[in-house]
C-alpha atoms as a PDB file:
ATOM      1  CA  UNK A   1     120.068 191.602 227.481  1.00  0.00           C
ATOM      2  CA  UNK A   2     116.706 192.760 226.438  1.00  0.00           C
ATOM      3  CA  UNK A   3     116.283 194.552 223.191  1.00  0.00           C
ATOM      4  CA  UNK A   4     114.632 197.109 224.757  1.00  0.00           C
ATOM      5  CA  UNK A   5     115.767 194.258 225.848  1.00  0.00           C
ATOM      6  CA  UNK A   6     114.989 196.699 223.422  1.00  0.00           C
ATOM      7  CA  UNK A   7     113.261 197.891 223.467  1.00  0.00           C
ATOM      8  CA  UNK A   8     113.553 197.230 224.800  1.00  0.00           C
ATOM      9  CA  UNK A   9     111.722 199.619 224.914  1.00  0.00           C
ATOM     10  CA  UNK A  10     112.782 203.266 226.061  1.00  0.00           C
ATOM     11  CA  UNK A  11     111.153 204.834 223.044  1.00  0.00           C
ATOM     12  CA  UNK A  12     108.897 204.715 220.060  1.00  0.00           C
ATOM     13  CA  UNK A  13     106.662 206.810 217.901  1.00  0.00           C
ATOM     14  CA  UNK A  14     105.843 210.366 218.914  1.00  0.00           C
ATOM     15  CA  UNK A  15     102.108 210.833 218.717  1.00  0.00           C
ATOM     16  CA  UNK A  16     100.628 214.217 217.787  1.00  0.00           C
ATOM     17  CA  UNK A  17      99.620 216.257 220.789  1.00  0.00           C
ATOM     18  CA  UNK A  18      96.018 217.383 220.967  1.00  0.00           C
ATOM     19  CA  UNK A  19      95.602 221.015 220.116  1.00  0.00           C
ATOM     20  CA  UNK A  20      94.713 223.860 222.453  1.00  0.00           C
ATOM     21  CA  UNK A  21      94.878 227.609 221.970  1.00  0.00           C
ATOM     22  CA  UNK A  22      98.148 227.861 223.911  1.00  0.00           C
ATOM     23  CA  UNK A  23     101.436 227.324 222.067  1.00  0.00           C
ATOM     24  CA  UNK A  24     104.403 226.571 224.305  1.00  0.00           C
ATOM     25  CA  UNK A  25     107.390 228.723 223.221  1.00  0.00           C
ATOM     26  CA  UNK A  26     109.910 225.880 223.607  1.00  0.00           C
ATOM     27  CA  UNK A  27     107.792 223.138 222.066  1.00  0.00           C
ATOM     28  CA  UNK A  28     106.525 225.473 219.366  1.00  0.00           C
ATOM     29  CA  UNK A  29     103.149 223.806 218.984  1.00  0.00           C
ATOM     30  CA  UNK A  30      99.887 223.409 220.899  1.00  0.00           C
ATOM     31  CA  UNK A  31     100.004 220.726 223.559  1.00  0.00           C
ATOM     32  CA  UNK A  32      97.563 219.203 226.013  1.00  0.00           C
ATOM     33  CA  UNK A  33      98.601 216.237 228.191  1.00  0.00           C
ATOM     34  CA  UNK A  34      96.233 213.297 227.836  1.00  0.00           C
ATOM     35  CA  UNK A  35      97.781 210.584 230.044  1.00  0.00           C
ATOM     36  CA  UNK A  36      98.445 210.249 233.792  1.00  0.00           C
ATOM     37  CA  UNK A  37     101.834 211.686 234.713  1.00  0.00           C
ATOM     38  CA  UNK A  38     102.424 213.185 231.267  1.00  0.00           C
ATOM     39  CA  UNK A  39     104.952 216.018 231.387  1.00  0.00           C
ATOM     40  CA  UNK A  40     103.845 219.648 231.139  1.00  0.00           C
ATOM     41  CA  UNK A  41     105.702 222.909 230.365  1.00  0.00           C
ATOM     42  CA  UNK A  42     106.155 223.419 234.116  1.00  0.00           C
ATOM     43  CA  UNK A  43     108.377 220.314 234.263  1.00  0.00           C
ATOM     44  CA  UNK A  44     111.876 221.275 235.535  1.00  0.00           C
ATOM     45  CA  UNK A  45     113.525 219.511 232.583  1.00  0.00           C
ATOM     46  CA  UNK A  46     111.001 220.580 229.956  1.00  0.00           C
ATOM     47  CA  UNK A  47     113.594 221.539 227.330  1.00  0.00           C
ATOM     48  CA  UNK A  48     115.170 218.081 227.603  1.00  0.00           C
ATOM     49  CA  UNK A  49     111.721 216.524 227.259  1.00  0.00           C
ATOM     50  CA  UNK A  50     111.169 218.591 224.110  1.00  0.00           C
ATOM     51  CA  UNK A  51     114.466 217.346 222.644  1.00  0.00           C
ATOM     52  CA  UNK A  52     113.365 213.793 223.421  1.00  0.00           C
ATOM     53  CA  UNK A  53     110.062 214.415 221.627  1.00  0.00           C
ATOM     54  CA  UNK A  54     111.920 215.814 218.610  1.00  0.00           C
ATOM     55  CA  UNK A  55     114.316 212.823 218.598  1.00  0.00           C
ATOM     56  CA  UNK A  56     117.341 215.105 219.019  1.00  0.00           C
ATOM     57  CA  UNK A  57     118.883 212.547 221.327  1.00  0.00           C
ATOM     58  CA  UNK A  58     122.577 213.309 220.940  1.00  0.00           C
ATOM     59  CA  UNK A  59     121.926 216.993 221.582  1.00  0.00           C
ATOM     60  CA  UNK A  60     119.897 216.094 224.663  1.00  0.00           C
ATOM     61  CA  UNK A  61     122.609 213.763 225.999  1.00  0.00           C
ATOM     62  CA  UNK A  62     125.350 216.359 225.635  1.00  0.00           C
ATOM     63  CA  UNK A  63     123.195 219.113 227.173  1.00  0.00           C
ATOM     64  CA  UNK A  64     122.255 216.911 230.142  1.00  0.00           C
ATOM     65  CA  UNK A  65     125.912 215.952 230.663  1.00  0.00           C
ATOM     66  CA  UNK A  66     126.920 219.630 230.627  1.00  0.00           C
ATOM     67  CA  UNK A  67     124.265 220.565 233.169  1.00  0.00           C
ATOM     68  CA  UNK A  68     125.132 217.647 235.404  1.00  0.00           C
ATOM     69  CA  UNK A  69     128.801 218.660 235.423  1.00  0.00           C
ATOM     70  CA  UNK A  70     127.706 222.137 236.547  1.00  0.00           C
ATOM     71  CA  UNK A  71     124.990 221.215 239.069  1.00  0.00           C
ATOM     72  CA  UNK A  72     125.466 217.556 240.086  1.00  0.00           C
ATOM     73  CA  UNK A  73     121.665 217.292 239.935  1.00  0.00           C
ATOM     74  CA  UNK A  74     121.055 213.503 240.059  1.00  0.00           C
ATOM     75  CA  UNK A  75     117.763 213.785 238.151  1.00  0.00           C
ATOM     76  CA  UNK A  76     119.770 214.746 235.057  1.00  0.00           C
ATOM     77  CA  UNK A  77     121.370 211.294 235.075  1.00  0.00           C
ATOM     78  CA  UNK A  78     118.123 209.826 233.737  1.00  0.00           C
ATOM     79  CA  UNK A  79     118.274 212.157 230.742  1.00  0.00           C
ATOM     80  CA  UNK A  80     121.913 211.326 230.050  1.00  0.00           C
ATOM     81  CA  UNK A  81     121.311 207.578 230.020  1.00  0.00           C
ATOM     82  CA  UNK A  82     118.010 207.653 228.193  1.00  0.00           C
ATOM     83  CA  UNK A  83     119.302 210.013 225.511  1.00  0.00           C
ATOM     84  CA  UNK A  84     122.391 207.931 224.671  1.00  0.00           C
ATOM     85  CA  UNK A  85     120.230 204.816 224.524  1.00  0.00           C
ATOM     86  CA  UNK A  86     117.750 206.461 222.179  1.00  0.00           C
ATOM     87  CA  UNK A  87     120.523 207.928 220.039  1.00  0.00           C
ATOM     88  CA  UNK A  88     121.523 204.374 219.151  1.00  0.00           C
ATOM     89  CA  UNK A  89     118.040 202.820 218.831  1.00  0.00           C
ATOM     90  CA  UNK A  90     117.074 202.666 215.196  1.00  0.00           C
ATOM     91  CA  UNK A  91     120.409 204.287 214.268  1.00  0.00           C
ATOM     92  CA  UNK A  92     121.732 202.165 211.429  1.00  0.00           C
ATOM     93  CA  UNK A  93     124.687 204.447 210.723  1.00  0.00           C
ATOM     94  CA  UNK A  94     126.602 203.396 213.836  1.00  0.00           C
ATOM     95  CA  UNK A  95     127.221 199.710 213.199  1.00  0.00           C
ATOM     96  CA  UNK A  96     130.604 199.243 214.864  1.00  0.00           C
ATOM     97  CA  UNK A  97     130.018 197.085 217.944  1.00  0.00           C
ATOM     98  CA  UNK A  98     132.793 198.693 220.015  1.00  0.00           C
ATOM     99  CA  UNK A  99     131.526 202.163 219.222  1.00  0.00           C
ATOM    100  CA  UNK A 100     127.970 201.238 220.173  1.00  0.00           C
ATOM    101  CA  UNK A 101     129.113 199.612 223.410  1.00  0.00           C
ATOM    102  CA  UNK A 102     131.172 202.662 224.332  1.00  0.00           C
ATOM    103  CA  UNK A 103     128.128 204.938 224.055  1.00  0.00           C
ATOM    104  CA  UNK A 104     125.878 202.454 225.860  1.00  0.00           C
ATOM    105  CA  UNK A 105     128.371 202.154 228.713  1.00  0.00           C
ATOM    106  CA  UNK A 106     128.678 205.952 228.857  1.00  0.00           C
ATOM    107  CA  UNK A 107     124.927 206.174 229.365  1.00  0.00           C
ATOM    108  CA  UNK A 108     124.863 203.251 231.770  1.00  0.00           C
ATOM    109  CA  UNK A 109     127.472 204.863 234.018  1.00  0.00           C
ATOM    110  CA  UNK A 110     125.106 207.809 234.453  1.00  0.00           C
ATOM    111  CA  UNK A 111     122.126 205.577 235.246  1.00  0.00           C
ATOM    112  CA  UNK A 112     124.164 203.492 237.683  1.00  0.00           C
ATOM    113  CA  UNK A 113     125.072 206.654 239.577  1.00  0.00           C
ATOM    114  CA  UNK A 114     121.470 207.822 239.402  1.00  0.00           C
ATOM    115  CA  UNK A 115     120.164 204.657 241.050  1.00  0.00           C
ATOM    116  CA  UNK A 116     122.740 205.089 243.826  1.00  0.00           C
ATOM    117  CA  UNK A 117     121.790 208.729 244.387  1.00  0.00           C
ATOM    118  CA  UNK A 118     118.010 208.257 244.065  1.00  0.00           C
ATOM    119  CA  UNK A 119     117.369 204.641 245.155  1.00  0.00           C
ATOM    120  CA  UNK A 120     113.571 205.058 245.332  1.00  0.00           C
ATOM    121  CA  UNK A 121     113.218 206.461 241.806  1.00  0.00           C
ATOM    122  CA  UNK A 122     111.274 203.909 239.738  1.00  0.00           C
ATOM    123  CA  UNK A 123     111.947 205.731 236.466  1.00  0.00           C
ATOM    124  CA  UNK A 124     115.700 205.522 236.939  1.00  0.00           C
ATOM    125  CA  UNK A 125     115.415 201.826 237.779  1.00  0.00           C
ATOM    126  CA  UNK A 126     113.453 201.205 234.605  1.00  0.00           C
ATOM    127  CA  UNK A 127     116.049 203.017 232.489  1.00  0.00           C
ATOM    128  CA  UNK A 128     118.907 201.218 234.266  1.00  0.00           C
ATOM    129  CA  UNK A 129     117.420 197.839 233.367  1.00  0.00           C
ATOM    130  CA  UNK A 130     116.813 198.858 229.761  1.00  0.00           C
ATOM    131  CA  UNK A 131     120.362 200.085 229.266  1.00  0.00           C
ATOM    132  CA  UNK A 132     121.925 197.062 230.932  1.00  0.00           C
ATOM    133  CA  UNK A 133     119.701 194.860 228.792  1.00  0.00           C
ATOM    134  CA  UNK A 134     120.758 196.570 225.573  1.00  0.00           C
ATOM    135  CA  UNK A 135     124.407 196.159 226.553  1.00  0.00           C
ATOM    136  CA  UNK A 136     123.578 192.472 227.002  1.00  0.00           C
ATOM    137  CA  UNK A 137     122.025 192.016 223.564  1.00  0.00           C
ATOM    138  CA  UNK A 138     124.907 193.961 221.996  1.00  0.00           C
ATOM    139  CA  UNK A 139     127.451 191.649 223.606  1.00  0.00           C
ATOM    140  CA  UNK A 140     125.202 188.588 223.212  1.00  0.00           C
ATOM    141  CA  UNK A 141     122.599 187.227 225.631  1.00  0.00           C
ATOM    142  CA  UNK A 142     124.557 184.103 226.558  1.00  0.00           C
ATOM    143  CA  UNK A 143     127.657 186.152 227.339  1.00  0.00           C
ATOM    144  CA  UNK A 144     125.654 188.397 229.660  1.00  0.00           C
ATOM    145  CA  UNK A 145     123.575 185.985 231.723  1.00  0.00           C
ATOM    146  CA  UNK A 146     125.109 187.045 235.021  1.00  0.00           C
ATOM    147  CA  UNK A 147     123.361 190.407 234.732  1.00  0.00           C
ATOM    148  CA  UNK A 148     119.920 188.844 234.161  1.00  0.00           C
ATOM    149  CA  UNK A 149     118.757 188.883 237.774  1.00  0.00           C
ATOM    150  CA  UNK A 150     119.916 192.500 238.163  1.00  0.00           C
ATOM    151  CA  UNK A 151     117.849 193.537 235.140  1.00  0.00           C
ATOM    152  CA  UNK A 152     114.778 191.622 236.318  1.00  0.00           C
ATOM    153  CA  UNK A 153     115.055 193.041 239.840  1.00  0.00           C
ATOM    154  CA  UNK A 154     115.302 196.616 238.584  1.00  0.00           C
ATOM    155  CA  UNK A 155     112.177 196.270 236.451  1.00  0.00           C
ATOM    156  CA  UNK A 156     110.161 194.513 239.154  1.00  0.00           C
ATOM    157  CA  UNK A 157     111.261 197.211 241.631  1.00  0.00           C
ATOM    158  CA  UNK A 158     110.200 199.844 239.105  1.00  0.00           C
ATOM    159  CA  UNK A 159     106.711 198.315 238.945  1.00  0.00           C
ATOM    160  CA  UNK A 160     106.562 198.267 242.749  1.00  0.00           C
ATOM    161  CA  UNK A 161     107.481 201.965 242.844  1.00  0.00           C
ATOM    162  CA  UNK A 162     104.453 202.681 240.609  1.00  0.00           C
ATOM    163  CA  UNK A 163     105.936 205.613 238.671  1.00  0.00           C
ATOM    164  CA  UNK A 164     103.354 207.417 236.543  1.00  0.00           C
ATOM    165  CA  UNK A 165     105.205 209.051 233.672  1.00  0.00           C
ATOM    166  CA  UNK A 166     104.540 209.810 230.031  1.00  0.00           C
ATOM    167  CA  UNK A 167     106.705 211.811 227.653  1.00  0.00           C
ATOM    168  CA  UNK A 168     105.270 214.536 225.408  1.00  0.00           C
ATOM    169  CA  UNK A 169     104.505 212.234 222.498  1.00  0.00           C
ATOM    170  CA  UNK A 170     104.212 209.017 224.536  1.00  0.00           C
ATOM    171  CA  UNK A 171     107.597 207.847 223.269  1.00  0.00           C
ATOM    172  CA  UNK A 172     107.979 206.506 226.807  1.00  0.00           C
ATOM    173  CA  UNK A 173     105.228 205.681 229.239  1.00  0.00           C
ATOM    174  CA  UNK A 174     105.403 203.976 232.612  1.00  0.00           C
ATOM    175  CA  UNK A 175     104.333 201.432 233.703  1.00  0.00           C
ATOM    176  CA  UNK A 176     103.379 200.352 230.139  1.00  0.00           C
ATOM    177  CA  UNK A 177     106.993 200.149 228.987  1.00  0.00           C
ATOM    178  CA  UNK A 178     108.059 198.224 232.067  1.00  0.00           C
ATOM    179  CA  UNK A 179     105.594 195.489 231.147  1.00  0.00           C
ATOM    180  CA  UNK A 180     107.057 195.599 227.636  1.00  0.00           C
ATOM    181  CA  UNK A 181     110.613 195.243 228.905  1.00  0.00           C
ATOM    182  CA  UNK A 182     109.782 192.319 231.193  1.00  0.00           C
ATOM    183  CA  UNK A 183     107.930 190.594 228.369  1.00  0.00           C
ATOM    184  CA  UNK A 184     111.023 190.763 226.178  1.00  0.00           C
ATOM    185  CA  UNK A 185     113.202 189.658 229.088  1.00  0.00           C
ATOM    186  CA  UNK A 186     111.208 186.488 229.820  1.00  0.00           C
ATOM    187  CA  UNK A 187     111.297 185.545 226.123  1.00  0.00           C
ATOM    188  CA  UNK A 188     114.992 186.156 225.472  1.00  0.00           C
ATOM    189  CA  UNK A 189     116.485 184.743 228.669  1.00  0.00           C
ATOM    190  CA  UNK A 190     116.769 180.983 228.027  1.00  0.00           C
ATOM    191  CA  UNK A 191     114.491 178.705 230.047  1.00  0.00           C
ATOM    192  CA  UNK A 192     117.293 176.322 231.076  1.00  0.00           C
ATOM    193  CA  UNK A 193     118.122 175.072 234.558  1.00  0.00           C
ATOM    194  CA  UNK A 194     121.747 176.108 234.094  1.00  0.00           C
ATOM    195  CA  UNK A 195     120.627 179.685 233.457  1.00  0.00           C
ATOM    196  CA  UNK A 196     118.917 179.680 236.864  1.00  0.00           C
ATOM    197  CA  UNK A 197     122.146 178.448 238.442  1.00  0.00           C
ATOM    198  CA  UNK A 198     124.258 181.107 236.731  1.00  0.00           C
ATOM    199  CA  UNK A 199     121.944 184.108 236.884  1.00  0.00           C
ATOM    200  CA  UNK A 200     119.367 183.453 239.589  1.00  0.00           C
ATOM    201  CA  UNK A 201     116.478 183.669 237.128  1.00  0.00           C
ATOM    202  CA  UNK A 202     115.333 182.052 233.902  1.00  0.00           C
ATOM    203  CA  UNK A 203     113.081 182.642 230.931  1.00  0.00           C
ATOM    204  CA  UNK A 204     109.351 181.930 230.942  1.00  0.00           C
ATOM    205  CA  UNK A 205     107.229 182.291 227.787  1.00  0.00           C
ATOM    206  CA  UNK A 206     103.962 182.299 229.738  1.00  0.00           C
ATOM    207  CA  UNK A 207     105.223 185.208 231.853  1.00  0.00           C
ATOM    208  CA  UNK A 208     106.363 186.927 228.669  1.00  0.00           C
ATOM    209  CA  UNK A 209     102.910 186.646 227.115  1.00  0.00           C
ATOM    210  CA  UNK A 210     101.223 187.901 230.287  1.00  0.00           C
ATOM    211  CA  UNK A 211     103.510 190.934 230.503  1.00  0.00           C
ATOM    212  CA  UNK A 212     102.959 191.856 226.850  1.00  0.00           C
ATOM    213  CA  UNK A 213      99.204 191.533 227.218  1.00  0.00           C
ATOM    214  CA  UNK A 214      99.370 193.954 230.147  1.00  0.00           C
ATOM    215  CA  UNK A 215     101.632 196.275 228.177  1.00  0.00           C
ATOM    216  CA  UNK A 216      99.281 196.437 225.197  1.00  0.00           C
ATOM    217  CA  UNK A 217      96.272 196.969 227.479  1.00  0.00           C
ATOM    218  CA  UNK A 218      98.168 199.830 229.131  1.00  0.00           C
ATOM    219  CA  UNK A 219      99.604 201.480 226.014  1.00  0.00           C
ATOM    220  CA  UNK A 220      96.965 200.861 223.355  1.00  0.00           C
ATOM    221  CA  UNK A 221      97.772 200.991 219.628  1.00  0.00           C
ATOM    222  CA  UNK A 222     101.521 201.433 219.740  1.00  0.00           C
ATOM    223  CA  UNK A 223     103.949 199.707 217.401  1.00  0.00           C
ATOM    224  CA  UNK A 224     106.539 198.653 219.965  1.00  0.00           C
ATOM    225  CA  UNK A 225     104.095 196.979 222.360  1.00  0.00           C
ATOM    226  CA  UNK A 226     102.091 195.108 219.726  1.00  0.00           C
ATOM    227  CA  UNK A 227     105.251 194.020 217.897  1.00  0.00           C
ATOM    228  CA  UNK A 228     106.717 192.363 220.975  1.00  0.00           C
ATOM    229  CA  UNK A 229     103.370 190.714 221.783  1.00  0.00           C
ATOM    230  CA  UNK A 230     103.482 189.297 218.252  1.00  0.00           C
ATOM    231  CA  UNK A 231     107.049 188.049 218.709  1.00  0.00           C
ATOM    232  CA  UNK A 232     106.174 186.149 221.892  1.00  0.00           C
ATOM    233  CA  UNK A 233     103.036 184.689 220.295  1.00  0.00           C
ATOM    234  CA  UNK A 234     105.073 183.482 217.315  1.00  0.00           C
ATOM    235  CA  UNK A 235     107.762 182.112 219.614  1.00  0.00           C
ATOM    236  CA  UNK A 236     105.236 180.122 221.648  1.00  0.00           C
ATOM    237  CA  UNK A 237     103.546 178.891 218.486  1.00  0.00           C
ATOM    238  CA  UNK A 238     106.728 177.628 216.857  1.00  0.00           C
ATOM    239  CA  UNK A 239     108.366 176.270 220.018  1.00  0.00           C
ATOM    240  CA  UNK A 240     105.269 174.431 221.264  1.00  0.00           C
ATOM    241  CA  UNK A 241     103.874 173.536 217.838  1.00  0.00           C
ATOM    242  CA  UNK A 242     100.695 175.547 218.379  1.00  0.00           C
ATOM    243  CA  UNK A 243      99.404 176.749 214.991  1.00  0.00           C
ATOM    244  CA  UNK A 244      96.745 178.896 216.650  1.00  0.00           C
ATOM    245  CA  UNK A 245      99.437 180.939 218.425  1.00  0.00           C
ATOM    246  CA  UNK A 246     101.334 181.378 215.168  1.00  0.00           C
ATOM    247  CA  UNK A 247      98.163 182.745 213.604  1.00  0.00           C
ATOM    248  CA  UNK A 248      97.612 185.024 216.618  1.00  0.00           C
ATOM    249  CA  UNK A 249     101.175 186.300 216.207  1.00  0.00           C
ATOM    250  CA  UNK A 250     100.713 186.983 212.501  1.00  0.00           C
ATOM    251  CA  UNK A 251      97.493 188.826 213.280  1.00  0.00           C
ATOM    252  CA  UNK A 252      99.373 190.993 215.806  1.00  0.00           C
ATOM    253  CA  UNK A 253     102.109 191.717 213.234  1.00  0.00           C
ATOM    254  CA  UNK A 254      99.525 192.860 210.701  1.00  0.00           C
ATOM    255  CA  UNK A 255      97.866 194.922 213.428  1.00  0.00           C
ATOM    256  CA  UNK A 256     100.999 196.951 214.078  1.00  0.00           C
ATOM    257  CA  UNK A 257     101.941 197.172 210.403  1.00  0.00           C
ATOM    258  CA  UNK A 258      98.733 199.181 209.971  1.00  0.00           C
ATOM    259  CA  UNK A 259      99.972 201.843 212.436  1.00  0.00           C
ATOM    260  CA  UNK A 260     101.771 204.854 210.939  1.00  0.00           C
ATOM    261  CA  UNK A 261     105.496 204.904 211.873  1.00  0.00           C
ATOM    262  CA  UNK A 262     106.789 208.095 213.471  1.00  0.00           C
ATOM    263  CA  UNK A 263     110.234 207.249 214.897  1.00  0.00           C
ATOM    264  CA  UNK A 264     113.394 205.638 213.516  1.00  0.00           C
ATOM    265  CA  UNK A 265     112.889 202.401 215.409  1.00  0.00           C
ATOM    266  CA  UNK A 266     109.328 202.124 214.083  1.00  0.00           C
ATOM    267  CA  UNK A 267     110.642 201.789 210.537  1.00  0.00           C
ATOM    268  CA  UNK A 268     113.037 199.068 211.727  1.00  0.00           C
ATOM    269  CA  UNK A 269     110.147 197.259 213.440  1.00  0.00           C
ATOM    270  CA  UNK A 270     108.067 197.404 210.263  1.00  0.00           C
ATOM    271  CA  UNK A 271     110.862 195.784 208.229  1.00  0.00           C
ATOM    272  CA  UNK A 272     111.257 193.156 210.929  1.00  0.00           C
ATOM    273  CA  UNK A 273     107.505 192.538 210.847  1.00  0.00           C
ATOM    274  CA  UNK A 274     107.781 191.447 207.234  1.00  0.00           C
ATOM    275  CA  UNK A 275     110.609 189.079 208.216  1.00  0.00           C
ATOM    276  CA  UNK A 276     108.525 187.601 211.039  1.00  0.00           C
ATOM    277  CA  UNK A 277     105.588 186.964 208.720  1.00  0.00           C
ATOM    278  CA  UNK A 278     107.854 185.173 206.256  1.00  0.00           C
ATOM    279  CA  UNK A 279     109.654 183.109 208.904  1.00  0.00           C
ATOM    280  CA  UNK A 280     107.987 182.863 212.346  1.00  0.00           C
ATOM    281  CA  UNK A 281     110.792 180.543 213.506  1.00  0.00           C
ATOM    282  CA  UNK A 282     113.085 183.547 214.050  1.00  0.00           C
ATOM    283  CA  UNK A 283     110.804 184.897 216.800  1.00  0.00           C
ATOM    284  CA  UNK A 284     112.306 183.222 219.871  1.00  0.00           C
ATOM    285  CA  UNK A 285     115.777 184.663 219.260  1.00  0.00           C
ATOM    286  CA  UNK A 286     114.552 187.973 217.811  1.00  0.00           C
ATOM    287  CA  UNK A 287     115.987 191.270 219.023  1.00  0.00           C
ATOM    288  CA  UNK A 288     115.787 194.598 217.251  1.00  0.00           C
ATOM    289  CA  UNK A 289     119.588 194.846 217.338  1.00  0.00           C
ATOM    290  CA  UNK A 290     120.211 191.374 215.912  1.00  0.00           C
ATOM    291  CA  UNK A 291     119.217 187.717 216.257  1.00  0.00           C
ATOM    292  CA  UNK A 292     120.484 186.225 219.509  1.00  0.00           C
ATOM    293  CA  UNK A 293     122.343 182.933 219.822  1.00  0.00           C
ATOM    294  CA  UNK A 294     120.459 180.990 222.530  1.00  0.00           C
ATOM    295  CA  UNK A 295     122.200 177.622 222.096  1.00  0.00           C
ATOM    296  CA  UNK A 296     122.330 175.966 225.545  1.00  0.00           C
ATOM    297  CA  UNK A 297     125.609 174.209 224.711  1.00  0.00           C
ATOM    298  CA  UNK A 298     127.341 177.590 224.438  1.00  0.00           C
ATOM    299  CA  UNK A 299     126.470 178.779 227.948  1.00  0.00           C
ATOM    300  CA  UNK A 300     129.621 179.410 229.956  1.00  0.00           C
ATOM    301  CA  UNK A 301     129.437 178.662 233.652  1.00  0.00           C
END
């Protein structure tokens, strides 16, 4: 139910790798890892990482599915799920809800099996929560509340597992993106007592702000993290009538609008930034894949 839940979150702008004299034959450009856990050419799934960097997500998903059918290697399940998720993020050509759900559920089935096969893998748990969250926002947050505690648990377990991972261009980085995902989660899940009864958890704007502050501190100047910090700031400001938080949110929007976009979802976030500046009241129900209906009277027990 997070955009991510968004984001949620499984991807954003590839950043240029720092140059060295060595040019990897698969990547085709100089590359030097700069972050803890960042993948290297010796990574067993390097070619899939390169496809992720190049945003060739459908090709990566199909290749990972083919290899999994041949090898039953459970680590490939991460690449299947993540690739289908990213194929849809920022993809404005596939607008049919049933078609989007079918691809999301195809990817989720892989991640669900991955978590069963590799229960200690914090990266798989992160991806599982992201995919389940995106299925939630596609169906509608209120229609998906019963999965909220499962999503929260997966992300908190992922933080506990302390995975150190960064993709080639920092499109995905853990734990930074787990903080991002939880920040979106605590904003979008309604803070109603009935939600706690139904789902076992509830929203919390203060937790959301704290998670986004940690995410930005971890990730630095990245569009996706600063955008979601801005959204929570604007949400708090409008919901609690705090003009200073609205101004803080607008400042964060302008901060990320100054960053060069490099991925499809970045261009979407930039357009949404203009919308948020014009109308901060949309922030609380904002999701990259569409405004969410959070009306308490519509919650089904």
